N, C-alpha and C. Protein backbone atom coordinates (compact mmCIF):
# COMPACT_ATOMS: atom_id res chain seq x y z
N GLN A 1 37.22 70.56 -96.88
CA GLN A 1 38.62 70.39 -96.49
C GLN A 1 39.12 69.07 -97.06
N LEU A 2 40.24 69.16 -97.76
CA LEU A 2 40.82 67.95 -98.34
C LEU A 2 41.34 67.05 -97.24
N GLN A 3 41.01 65.77 -97.31
CA GLN A 3 41.52 64.79 -96.34
C GLN A 3 42.28 63.72 -97.09
N LEU A 4 43.56 63.62 -96.79
CA LEU A 4 44.43 62.68 -97.48
C LEU A 4 44.57 61.41 -96.66
N VAL A 5 44.44 60.26 -97.31
CA VAL A 5 44.54 58.97 -96.63
C VAL A 5 45.57 58.12 -97.36
N GLU A 6 46.66 57.79 -96.65
CA GLU A 6 47.70 56.94 -97.24
C GLU A 6 47.45 55.48 -96.88
N SER A 7 47.90 54.60 -97.74
CA SER A 7 47.85 53.17 -97.47
C SER A 7 48.94 52.47 -98.27
N GLY A 8 49.18 51.21 -97.94
CA GLY A 8 50.12 50.40 -98.72
C GLY A 8 51.47 50.16 -98.09
N GLY A 9 51.71 50.75 -96.92
CA GLY A 9 52.98 50.52 -96.26
C GLY A 9 53.07 49.10 -95.70
N GLY A 10 54.26 48.77 -95.19
CA GLY A 10 54.45 47.45 -94.61
C GLY A 10 55.92 47.12 -94.50
N TRP A 11 56.19 45.84 -94.27
CA TRP A 11 57.56 45.36 -94.16
C TRP A 11 57.93 44.62 -95.43
N VAL A 12 59.15 44.84 -95.89
CA VAL A 12 59.64 44.16 -97.09
C VAL A 12 61.14 43.96 -96.95
N GLN A 13 61.63 42.91 -97.55
CA GLN A 13 63.08 42.66 -97.54
C GLN A 13 63.79 43.57 -98.53
N PRO A 14 65.06 43.83 -98.33
CA PRO A 14 65.82 44.63 -99.31
C PRO A 14 65.69 44.05 -100.72
N GLY A 15 65.50 44.95 -101.68
CA GLY A 15 65.27 44.53 -103.05
C GLY A 15 63.81 44.33 -103.40
N GLY A 16 62.96 44.36 -102.41
CA GLY A 16 61.53 44.16 -102.63
C GLY A 16 60.82 45.42 -103.09
N SER A 17 59.51 45.31 -103.25
CA SER A 17 58.69 46.41 -103.77
C SER A 17 57.47 46.63 -102.89
N LEU A 18 57.01 47.87 -102.87
CA LEU A 18 55.75 48.25 -102.25
C LEU A 18 55.11 49.33 -103.11
N ARG A 19 53.81 49.43 -103.04
CA ARG A 19 53.10 50.51 -103.72
C ARG A 19 52.25 51.25 -102.70
N LEU A 20 52.53 52.51 -102.54
CA LEU A 20 51.77 53.37 -101.63
C LEU A 20 50.68 54.09 -102.40
N SER A 21 49.59 54.35 -101.71
CA SER A 21 48.46 55.06 -102.31
C SER A 21 48.06 56.22 -101.42
N CYS A 22 47.75 57.34 -102.06
CA CYS A 22 47.24 58.53 -101.37
C CYS A 22 45.89 58.84 -102.00
N ALA A 23 44.84 58.83 -101.20
CA ALA A 23 43.50 58.99 -101.74
C ALA A 23 42.79 60.18 -101.12
N ALA A 24 42.01 60.87 -101.95
CA ALA A 24 41.17 61.97 -101.47
C ALA A 24 40.23 62.36 -102.59
N SER A 25 39.03 62.77 -102.23
CA SER A 25 38.08 63.24 -103.22
C SER A 25 38.62 64.50 -103.89
N GLY A 26 38.58 64.53 -105.20
CA GLY A 26 39.05 65.70 -105.93
C GLY A 26 40.55 65.85 -106.01
N LEU A 27 41.29 64.80 -105.71
CA LEU A 27 42.75 64.92 -105.65
C LEU A 27 43.37 65.28 -106.99
N ASP A 28 42.70 64.99 -108.08
CA ASP A 28 43.25 65.30 -109.40
C ASP A 28 43.43 66.80 -109.62
N HIS A 29 42.80 67.62 -108.80
CA HIS A 29 42.90 69.07 -108.94
C HIS A 29 44.09 69.65 -108.17
N TYR A 30 44.89 68.79 -107.54
CA TYR A 30 45.99 69.24 -106.70
C TYR A 30 47.30 68.64 -107.17
N ALA A 31 48.38 69.42 -107.00
CA ALA A 31 49.71 68.83 -107.07
C ALA A 31 49.92 68.07 -105.76
N VAL A 32 50.58 66.93 -105.84
CA VAL A 32 50.75 66.06 -104.67
C VAL A 32 52.20 65.66 -104.55
N ALA A 33 52.67 65.59 -103.32
CA ALA A 33 54.04 65.14 -103.06
C ALA A 33 54.03 64.04 -102.01
N TRP A 34 55.02 63.18 -102.11
CA TRP A 34 55.29 62.19 -101.07
C TRP A 34 56.54 62.62 -100.30
N PHE A 35 56.44 62.58 -98.98
CA PHE A 35 57.56 62.85 -98.10
C PHE A 35 57.78 61.62 -97.23
N ARG A 36 58.92 61.58 -96.57
CA ARG A 36 59.17 60.51 -95.61
C ARG A 36 59.99 61.07 -94.45
N GLN A 37 59.83 60.41 -93.31
CA GLN A 37 60.56 60.82 -92.13
C GLN A 37 60.94 59.60 -91.33
N ALA A 38 62.24 59.43 -91.16
CA ALA A 38 62.77 58.35 -90.33
C ALA A 38 63.03 58.87 -88.93
N PRO A 39 63.07 58.01 -87.92
CA PRO A 39 63.33 58.46 -86.55
C PRO A 39 64.62 59.26 -86.44
N GLY A 40 64.53 60.42 -85.82
CA GLY A 40 65.70 61.25 -85.61
C GLY A 40 66.16 62.04 -86.82
N LYS A 41 65.41 61.95 -87.91
CA LYS A 41 65.79 62.66 -89.13
C LYS A 41 64.70 63.65 -89.53
N GLU A 42 65.10 64.61 -90.36
CA GLU A 42 64.14 65.58 -90.85
C GLU A 42 63.27 64.97 -91.94
N ARG A 43 62.08 65.54 -92.09
CA ARG A 43 61.20 65.09 -93.16
C ARG A 43 61.81 65.49 -94.50
N GLU A 44 61.80 64.58 -95.45
CA GLU A 44 62.40 64.86 -96.75
C GLU A 44 61.46 64.50 -97.89
N GLY A 45 61.51 65.30 -98.94
CA GLY A 45 60.68 65.05 -100.10
C GLY A 45 61.20 63.88 -100.90
N VAL A 46 60.27 63.06 -101.38
CA VAL A 46 60.61 61.87 -102.14
C VAL A 46 60.25 62.05 -103.62
N ALA A 47 59.01 62.46 -103.88
CA ALA A 47 58.55 62.61 -105.26
C ALA A 47 57.34 63.53 -105.28
N SER A 48 57.14 64.20 -106.39
CA SER A 48 55.98 65.08 -106.54
C SER A 48 55.43 64.96 -107.95
N ILE A 49 54.15 65.29 -108.08
CA ILE A 49 53.49 65.20 -109.38
C ILE A 49 52.54 66.38 -109.51
N GLY A 50 52.49 66.98 -110.71
CA GLY A 50 51.63 68.11 -110.93
C GLY A 50 50.19 67.70 -111.20
N LYS A 51 49.33 68.70 -111.30
CA LYS A 51 47.93 68.45 -111.62
C LYS A 51 47.84 67.70 -112.94
N GLY A 52 46.97 66.71 -112.97
CA GLY A 52 46.80 65.95 -114.20
C GLY A 52 48.03 65.21 -114.64
N GLY A 53 49.01 65.08 -113.76
CA GLY A 53 50.25 64.39 -114.09
C GLY A 53 51.13 65.16 -115.06
N ILE A 54 51.04 66.50 -115.06
CA ILE A 54 51.76 67.33 -116.02
C ILE A 54 53.27 67.16 -115.92
N GLY A 55 53.76 66.83 -114.74
CA GLY A 55 55.19 66.64 -114.56
C GLY A 55 55.48 65.99 -113.23
N THR A 56 56.70 65.51 -113.10
CA THR A 56 57.10 64.84 -111.86
C THR A 56 58.50 65.28 -111.44
N ASN A 57 58.78 65.12 -110.15
CA ASN A 57 60.12 65.36 -109.61
C ASN A 57 60.44 64.26 -108.62
N TYR A 58 61.72 63.92 -108.51
CA TYR A 58 62.16 62.89 -107.58
C TYR A 58 63.42 63.34 -106.86
N ARG A 59 63.57 62.91 -105.59
CA ARG A 59 64.85 63.13 -104.95
C ARG A 59 65.85 62.19 -105.61
N PHE A 60 67.11 62.60 -105.59
CA PHE A 60 68.12 61.90 -106.36
C PHE A 60 68.23 60.43 -105.98
N SER A 61 68.13 60.13 -104.68
CA SER A 61 68.38 58.77 -104.21
C SER A 61 67.32 57.76 -104.61
N VAL A 62 66.17 58.22 -105.10
CA VAL A 62 65.11 57.28 -105.47
C VAL A 62 64.87 57.21 -106.98
N ARG A 63 65.57 58.06 -107.72
CA ARG A 63 65.37 58.06 -109.18
C ARG A 63 65.73 56.70 -109.77
N GLY A 64 64.86 56.24 -110.66
CA GLY A 64 65.07 54.93 -111.27
C GLY A 64 64.50 53.79 -110.46
N ARG A 65 64.13 54.04 -109.20
CA ARG A 65 63.55 53.01 -108.35
C ARG A 65 62.10 53.30 -108.00
N PHE A 66 61.76 54.57 -107.82
CA PHE A 66 60.41 54.96 -107.43
C PHE A 66 59.72 55.64 -108.62
N THR A 67 58.41 55.44 -108.71
CA THR A 67 57.61 56.09 -109.74
C THR A 67 56.34 56.63 -109.11
N ILE A 68 56.10 57.94 -109.33
CA ILE A 68 54.86 58.56 -108.85
C ILE A 68 53.92 58.69 -110.04
N SER A 69 52.65 58.41 -109.80
CA SER A 69 51.68 58.46 -110.89
C SER A 69 50.30 58.76 -110.32
N ARG A 70 49.37 59.05 -111.23
CA ARG A 70 48.00 59.32 -110.82
C ARG A 70 47.05 58.25 -111.36
N ASP A 71 46.03 57.98 -110.60
CA ASP A 71 44.89 57.21 -111.07
C ASP A 71 43.68 58.13 -110.88
N SER A 72 43.40 58.91 -111.91
CA SER A 72 42.35 59.93 -111.79
C SER A 72 40.98 59.31 -111.54
N ALA A 73 40.73 58.16 -112.11
CA ALA A 73 39.43 57.51 -111.92
C ALA A 73 39.19 57.16 -110.44
N GLU A 74 40.28 56.88 -109.74
CA GLU A 74 40.19 56.49 -108.34
C GLU A 74 40.54 57.63 -107.38
N ASN A 75 40.84 58.83 -107.94
CA ASN A 75 41.24 59.97 -107.10
C ASN A 75 42.41 59.61 -106.19
N THR A 76 43.41 58.96 -106.76
CA THR A 76 44.57 58.56 -105.98
C THR A 76 45.87 58.96 -106.67
N VAL A 77 46.89 59.11 -105.86
CA VAL A 77 48.26 59.26 -106.34
C VAL A 77 49.05 58.09 -105.78
N LEU A 78 49.75 57.41 -106.66
CA LEU A 78 50.47 56.19 -106.29
C LEU A 78 51.97 56.45 -106.25
N LEU A 79 52.65 55.73 -105.36
CA LEU A 79 54.10 55.74 -105.33
C LEU A 79 54.56 54.29 -105.39
N GLN A 80 55.01 53.88 -106.57
CA GLN A 80 55.55 52.54 -106.75
C GLN A 80 57.02 52.56 -106.36
N MET A 81 57.37 51.72 -105.40
CA MET A 81 58.73 51.71 -104.88
C MET A 81 59.34 50.33 -105.15
N ASN A 82 60.37 50.31 -105.96
CA ASN A 82 61.06 49.07 -106.31
C ASN A 82 62.49 49.09 -105.78
N ASP A 83 63.10 47.92 -105.71
CA ASP A 83 64.49 47.80 -105.25
C ASP A 83 64.69 48.57 -103.93
N LEU A 84 63.82 48.31 -102.99
CA LEU A 84 63.86 49.05 -101.73
C LEU A 84 65.11 48.71 -100.93
N LYS A 85 65.61 49.72 -100.23
CA LYS A 85 66.82 49.61 -99.42
C LYS A 85 66.49 49.94 -97.97
N PRO A 86 67.30 49.45 -97.03
CA PRO A 86 67.02 49.78 -95.62
C PRO A 86 66.92 51.29 -95.36
N ASP A 87 67.68 52.09 -96.10
CA ASP A 87 67.62 53.55 -95.92
C ASP A 87 66.28 54.14 -96.35
N ASP A 88 65.46 53.36 -97.06
CA ASP A 88 64.13 53.84 -97.45
C ASP A 88 63.12 53.68 -96.31
N SER A 89 63.49 53.03 -95.23
CA SER A 89 62.58 52.84 -94.11
C SER A 89 62.21 54.17 -93.48
N ALA A 90 60.93 54.41 -93.32
CA ALA A 90 60.45 55.68 -92.78
C ALA A 90 58.93 55.64 -92.74
N VAL A 91 58.36 56.66 -92.11
CA VAL A 91 56.93 56.90 -92.28
C VAL A 91 56.77 57.78 -93.52
N TYR A 92 55.93 57.35 -94.43
CA TYR A 92 55.71 58.07 -95.68
C TYR A 92 54.39 58.83 -95.60
N TYR A 93 54.44 60.10 -96.02
CA TYR A 93 53.29 60.97 -95.98
C TYR A 93 53.02 61.53 -97.38
N CYS A 94 51.75 61.70 -97.73
CA CYS A 94 51.45 62.49 -98.91
C CYS A 94 50.94 63.85 -98.45
N ALA A 95 51.12 64.85 -99.32
CA ALA A 95 50.78 66.22 -98.95
C ALA A 95 50.45 67.04 -100.18
N THR A 96 49.68 68.10 -99.97
CA THR A 96 49.38 69.06 -101.03
C THR A 96 49.69 70.46 -100.53
N ASN A 97 49.90 71.39 -101.47
CA ASN A 97 50.12 72.78 -101.09
C ASN A 97 49.14 73.67 -101.84
N GLY A 98 48.85 74.81 -101.24
CA GLY A 98 47.85 75.71 -101.81
C GLY A 98 48.25 76.33 -103.12
N ALA A 99 49.58 76.33 -103.41
CA ALA A 99 50.06 76.94 -104.65
C ALA A 99 49.93 76.02 -105.84
N GLY A 100 49.62 74.77 -105.62
CA GLY A 100 49.55 73.82 -106.72
C GLY A 100 50.90 73.54 -107.35
N ALA A 101 51.97 73.77 -106.61
CA ALA A 101 53.31 73.64 -107.16
C ALA A 101 53.86 72.24 -106.93
N TRP A 102 54.72 71.82 -107.85
CA TRP A 102 55.29 70.48 -107.76
C TRP A 102 56.78 70.48 -108.11
N SER A 103 57.37 71.66 -108.18
CA SER A 103 58.76 71.77 -108.59
C SER A 103 59.70 71.18 -107.54
N SER A 104 60.96 71.06 -107.92
CA SER A 104 61.95 70.52 -106.98
C SER A 104 62.10 71.44 -105.77
N TYR A 105 61.91 72.74 -105.94
CA TYR A 105 61.97 73.66 -104.79
C TYR A 105 60.94 73.25 -103.74
N TYR A 106 59.72 73.01 -104.19
CA TYR A 106 58.68 72.64 -103.23
C TYR A 106 58.95 71.27 -102.64
N LEU A 107 59.51 70.37 -103.41
CA LEU A 107 59.81 69.04 -102.88
C LEU A 107 60.86 69.13 -101.77
N ASN A 108 61.70 70.14 -101.83
CA ASN A 108 62.74 70.32 -100.82
C ASN A 108 62.30 71.19 -99.65
N HIS A 109 61.07 71.66 -99.67
CA HIS A 109 60.57 72.55 -98.62
C HIS A 109 59.22 72.07 -98.10
N PRO A 110 59.20 71.09 -97.21
CA PRO A 110 57.93 70.56 -96.69
C PRO A 110 57.09 71.61 -95.98
N GLU A 111 57.72 72.69 -95.49
CA GLU A 111 56.95 73.73 -94.80
C GLU A 111 55.99 74.45 -95.75
N GLN A 112 56.16 74.28 -97.05
CA GLN A 112 55.27 74.90 -98.04
C GLN A 112 53.96 74.12 -98.21
N TYR A 113 53.86 72.95 -97.58
CA TYR A 113 52.67 72.11 -97.74
C TYR A 113 51.74 72.30 -96.55
N ASP A 114 50.46 72.40 -96.85
CA ASP A 114 49.52 72.73 -95.79
C ASP A 114 48.53 71.62 -95.45
N THR A 115 48.49 70.58 -96.25
CA THR A 115 47.58 69.47 -95.99
C THR A 115 48.37 68.17 -96.05
N TRP A 116 48.25 67.37 -94.97
CA TRP A 116 49.04 66.15 -94.84
C TRP A 116 48.14 64.98 -94.47
N GLY A 117 48.55 63.81 -94.92
CA GLY A 117 47.90 62.59 -94.46
C GLY A 117 48.49 62.14 -93.13
N GLN A 118 48.00 61.01 -92.64
CA GLN A 118 48.42 60.52 -91.33
C GLN A 118 49.71 59.71 -91.39
N GLY A 119 50.11 59.31 -92.59
CA GLY A 119 51.36 58.57 -92.75
C GLY A 119 51.16 57.07 -92.79
N THR A 120 52.09 56.39 -93.45
CA THR A 120 52.09 54.93 -93.49
C THR A 120 53.54 54.46 -93.35
N GLN A 121 53.73 53.47 -92.50
CA GLN A 121 55.08 53.01 -92.18
C GLN A 121 55.61 52.07 -93.26
N VAL A 122 56.84 52.31 -93.67
CA VAL A 122 57.56 51.41 -94.59
C VAL A 122 58.82 50.95 -93.88
N THR A 123 58.98 49.65 -93.76
CA THR A 123 60.16 49.07 -93.11
C THR A 123 60.84 48.11 -94.08
N VAL A 124 62.12 48.36 -94.33
CA VAL A 124 62.90 47.52 -95.23
C VAL A 124 64.03 46.89 -94.42
N SER A 125 63.94 45.60 -94.22
CA SER A 125 64.97 44.92 -93.44
C SER A 125 64.96 43.44 -93.76
N SER A 126 66.06 42.80 -93.46
CA SER A 126 66.16 41.36 -93.67
C SER A 126 65.94 40.62 -92.36
């Protein structure tokens, strides 16, 4: 059973950067997505990456600021977040789905994902 472990969250001032990591043995064989959920809001897709980094997708509000990538040697998927804004504050989760899909459709449908990490808190405030 795949076990996803997120790390790298924390507090940062607006305009700052954080890098999140999602680790699991064999993760390079899966498409992976990052989601986030703020209090009182629905879980929303942030970015996704295909197997072997074949392609990526981003929600519109993070394009140009966030970058998803793989470190195959370390069995991790990274989310580099730059120019962070208070609206980016949320618990961030990584997830995989059995279909191996990474399209924008899947990024917009968290119910399609069957394996989730425990989440890591990101707080952006002054």
